[in-house]
Amino acid sequence: MIKDIHELEISTMKLGEGVEAAIHCAAMLAGVEGAATMPGAAMAEAFGLSPSYLLKHLNALTASSILESVPGPSGGYRLARPAEHITLLDIVLAVEGREPAFRCGEIRQRGPARLDASVYVKPCGINVAMLKAERAFRAALAEARLSDIVADYMSDADPRSVAANCAFVERHQRPQKSGSTSQA
């Protein structure tokens, strides 16, 4: 299991910056009480991001049923399901898409040394190795639950950081009246 979000940075896979923003926002929303929501602008402020940049990633999380978007002046975002049912893989796939990071272009079949196509019956060994690595990477992400990341943060982070983040959530969450509807 990935114990620290920074372990993602040392892997062979390079993820877009939107993945970090999406994971942080989902973790923040795990701290919102009950059916309350958090405005996208507040999350953008919390992480020093452009609201329009963050909105693109929040929309991707909403489209993937990781978040719910509640419309209206007291609307915002909340988790669409419990944090223990959301994995880092869910978030990465929502933001980056389902395509593998490595796409073999069969360049071994190009250039002056290329041979007849019948020589290339077996799959490219580089492609096989890269796809194997990606499967392992995705398996590790699938084991990392949002709830575990939040729990680890709450128990291991500097208490000042925890207090500041909890106070931010408390200030910016928007309680919802019972019967509030959500829109995906």
Protein backbone atom coordinates (compact mmCIF):
# COMPACT_ATOMS: atom_id res chain seq x y z
CA MET A 1 0.00 0.00 0.00
CA ILE A 2 1.20 3.50 -0.75
CA LYS A 3 1.88 5.12 2.63
CA ASP A 4 2.75 8.57 1.37
CA ILE A 5 1.30 10.45 -1.59
CA HIS A 6 4.87 11.44 -2.52
CA GLU A 7 5.66 7.79 -3.30
CA LEU A 8 3.69 8.40 -6.50
CA GLU A 9 6.33 10.90 -7.59
CA ILE A 10 9.17 8.37 -7.46
CA SER A 11 7.38 5.79 -9.55
CA THR A 12 8.10 5.37 -13.23
CA MET A 13 4.68 6.75 -14.11
CA LYS A 14 4.37 10.50 -14.52
CA LEU A 15 0.95 11.72 -13.56
CA GLY A 16 -0.49 15.11 -14.40
CA GLU A 17 -0.67 17.80 -11.73
CA GLY A 18 -4.45 17.47 -11.78
CA VAL A 19 -4.14 14.09 -10.07
CA GLU A 20 -2.54 15.68 -7.02
CA ALA A 21 -5.25 18.35 -6.89
CA ALA A 22 -8.00 15.75 -7.29
CA ILE A 23 -6.63 13.54 -4.50
CA HIS A 24 -6.23 16.49 -2.13
CA CYS A 25 -9.77 17.71 -2.86
CA ALA A 26 -11.24 14.24 -2.33
CA ALA A 27 -9.32 13.95 0.96
CA MET A 28 -10.61 17.37 2.03
CA LEU A 29 -14.17 16.35 1.16
CA ALA A 30 -13.76 13.23 3.31
CA GLY A 31 -13.67 15.64 6.27
CA VAL A 32 -16.94 17.38 5.39
CA GLU A 33 -19.73 16.53 7.83
CA GLY A 34 -22.70 14.45 6.66
CA ALA A 35 -24.36 15.75 3.51
CA ALA A 36 -22.56 19.11 3.67
CA THR A 37 -20.72 20.38 0.60
CA MET A 38 -17.60 22.39 -0.07
CA PRO A 39 -17.50 25.04 -2.82
CA GLY A 40 -14.97 24.45 -5.57
CA ALA A 41 -13.66 27.99 -5.08
CA ALA A 42 -12.85 27.21 -1.43
CA MET A 43 -10.89 24.10 -2.42
CA ALA A 44 -9.03 26.11 -5.08
CA GLU A 45 -8.18 28.68 -2.40
CA ALA A 46 -7.02 25.98 0.02
CA PHE A 47 -4.51 24.60 -2.46
CA GLY A 48 -3.54 27.83 -4.22
CA LEU A 49 -5.05 26.74 -7.53
CA SER A 50 -6.99 28.57 -10.19
CA PRO A 51 -10.72 27.87 -9.72
CA SER A 52 -11.16 27.26 -13.46
CA TYR A 53 -8.25 24.78 -13.47
CA LEU A 54 -9.63 22.92 -10.47
CA LEU A 55 -13.18 22.90 -11.87
CA LYS A 56 -12.01 20.76 -14.79
CA HIS A 57 -10.75 18.10 -12.38
CA LEU A 58 -13.78 18.33 -10.06
CA ASN A 59 -15.99 17.79 -13.12
CA ALA A 60 -13.98 14.70 -14.05
CA LEU A 61 -14.41 13.34 -10.50
CA THR A 62 -18.14 14.09 -10.68
CA ALA A 63 -18.51 12.41 -14.07
CA SER A 64 -16.81 9.32 -12.59
CA SER A 65 -19.23 9.27 -9.61
CA ILE A 66 -16.47 9.96 -7.10
CA LEU A 67 -17.97 13.35 -6.24
CA GLU A 68 -21.47 14.74 -6.30
CA SER A 69 -22.12 18.28 -7.40
CA VAL A 70 -24.93 20.05 -5.56
CA PRO A 71 -26.23 23.07 -7.48
CA GLY A 72 -27.36 26.39 -6.07
CA PRO A 73 -26.01 29.17 -3.91
CA SER A 74 -25.32 26.83 -1.00
CA GLY A 75 -24.17 24.01 -3.21
CA GLY A 76 -20.74 22.64 -3.82
CA TYR A 77 -19.12 19.21 -3.89
CA ARG A 78 -19.15 16.19 -1.62
CA LEU A 79 -18.04 12.59 -1.90
CA ALA A 80 -20.52 10.47 -3.85
CA ARG A 81 -19.66 7.41 -1.77
CA PRO A 82 -17.82 6.72 1.49
CA ALA A 83 -14.06 7.37 1.45
CA GLU A 84 -13.40 3.68 2.17
CA HIS A 85 -14.97 2.91 -1.22
CA ILE A 86 -12.75 5.32 -3.16
CA THR A 87 -9.25 4.29 -4.21
CA LEU A 88 -6.39 6.29 -5.62
CA LEU A 89 -6.87 4.28 -8.81
CA ASP A 90 -10.46 5.57 -9.06
CA ILE A 91 -9.20 9.14 -8.84
CA VAL A 92 -6.25 8.66 -11.21
CA LEU A 93 -8.46 7.04 -13.85
CA ALA A 94 -11.07 9.79 -13.49
CA VAL A 95 -8.47 12.50 -14.12
CA GLU A 96 -6.01 10.80 -16.48
CA GLY A 97 -8.33 8.41 -18.31
CA ARG A 98 -8.18 4.65 -18.69
CA GLU A 99 -5.56 4.45 -21.42
CA PRO A 100 -2.23 2.97 -20.37
CA ALA A 101 0.52 5.51 -19.76
CA PHE A 102 2.81 3.67 -22.19
CA ARG A 103 1.61 3.22 -25.74
CA CYS A 104 3.85 1.13 -27.95
CA GLY A 105 4.16 2.66 -31.41
CA GLU A 106 6.01 -0.39 -32.75
CA ILE A 107 8.96 1.79 -33.73
CA ARG A 108 11.05 -1.38 -33.97
CA GLN A 109 9.32 -1.87 -37.32
CA ARG A 110 10.50 1.49 -38.70
CA GLY A 111 13.75 2.90 -39.95
CA PRO A 112 16.41 1.50 -42.24
CA ALA A 113 16.78 -1.77 -40.27
CA ARG A 114 13.11 -2.70 -40.49
CA LEU A 115 12.23 -6.15 -41.76
CA ASP A 116 9.14 -7.80 -43.17
CA ALA A 117 6.13 -7.74 -40.80
CA SER A 118 6.38 -11.54 -40.41
CA VAL A 119 9.52 -11.01 -38.28
CA TYR A 120 7.47 -9.14 -35.66
CA VAL A 121 4.95 -11.85 -34.76
CA LYS A 122 5.83 -11.82 -31.05
CA PRO A 123 4.78 -8.81 -28.99
CA CYS A 124 7.40 -6.15 -28.42
CA GLY A 125 9.30 -7.08 -25.24
CA ILE A 126 9.47 -3.44 -24.18
CA ASN A 127 5.70 -3.11 -24.48
CA VAL A 128 5.20 -6.31 -22.48
CA ALA A 129 7.51 -5.07 -19.69
CA MET A 130 5.94 -1.61 -19.59
CA LEU A 131 2.39 -2.97 -19.44
CA LYS A 132 3.43 -5.35 -16.65
CA ALA A 133 4.83 -2.39 -14.69
CA GLU A 134 1.64 -0.42 -15.29
CA ARG A 135 -0.49 -3.31 -14.01
CA ALA A 136 1.61 -3.38 -10.80
CA PHE A 137 1.32 0.41 -10.45
CA ARG A 138 -2.45 0.29 -10.90
CA ALA A 139 -2.74 -2.61 -8.45
CA ALA A 140 -0.91 -0.54 -5.82
CA LEU A 141 -3.20 2.42 -6.47
CA ALA A 142 -6.25 0.13 -6.21
CA GLU A 143 -5.13 -0.92 -2.72
CA ALA A 144 -4.74 2.66 -1.49
CA ARG A 145 -8.10 3.80 -0.10
CA LEU A 146 -8.92 7.46 0.43
CA SER A 147 -10.06 6.66 3.97
CA ASP A 148 -6.64 5.16 4.81
CA ILE A 149 -4.82 8.20 3.44
CA VAL A 150 -7.00 10.51 5.51
CA ALA A 151 -6.58 8.35 8.63
CA ASP A 152 -2.79 8.27 8.16
CA TYR A 153 -2.74 12.06 7.75
CA MET A 154 -4.85 12.57 10.86
CA SER A 155 -2.55 10.36 12.97
CA ASP A 156 0.87 11.16 11.47
CA ALA A 157 0.79 14.80 10.32
CA ASP A 158 1.94 17.73 12.40
CA PRO A 159 -1.00 18.61 14.69
CA ARG A 160 -0.84 22.24 13.52
CA SER A 161 -1.42 21.14 9.94
CA VAL A 162 -4.32 18.92 10.97
CA ALA A 163 -5.86 21.73 13.06
CA ALA A 164 -5.49 24.28 10.24
CA ASN A 165 -7.03 21.95 7.66
CA CYS A 166 -9.90 20.93 9.93
CA ALA A 167 -10.60 24.62 10.70
CA PHE A 168 -10.61 25.41 6.97
CA VAL A 169 -13.14 22.64 6.28
CA GLU A 170 -15.28 23.78 9.22
CA ARG A 171 -15.31 27.37 7.94
CA HIS A 172 -16.09 26.54 4.32
CA GLN A 173 -18.39 23.52 4.41
CA ARG A 174 -22.01 24.23 3.59
CA PRO A 175 -24.63 22.26 5.50
CA GLN A 176 -27.43 20.95 3.31
CA LYS A 177 -31.11 20.77 4.16
CA SER A 178 -32.46 17.26 4.21
CA GLY A 179 -33.83 16.27 0.85
CA SER A 180 -31.13 18.21 -1.06
CA THR A 181 -30.75 16.81 -4.50
CA SER A 182 -27.46 16.07 -6.14
CA GLN A 183 -26.57 16.31 -9.75
CA ALA A 184 -23.85 14.23 -11.37
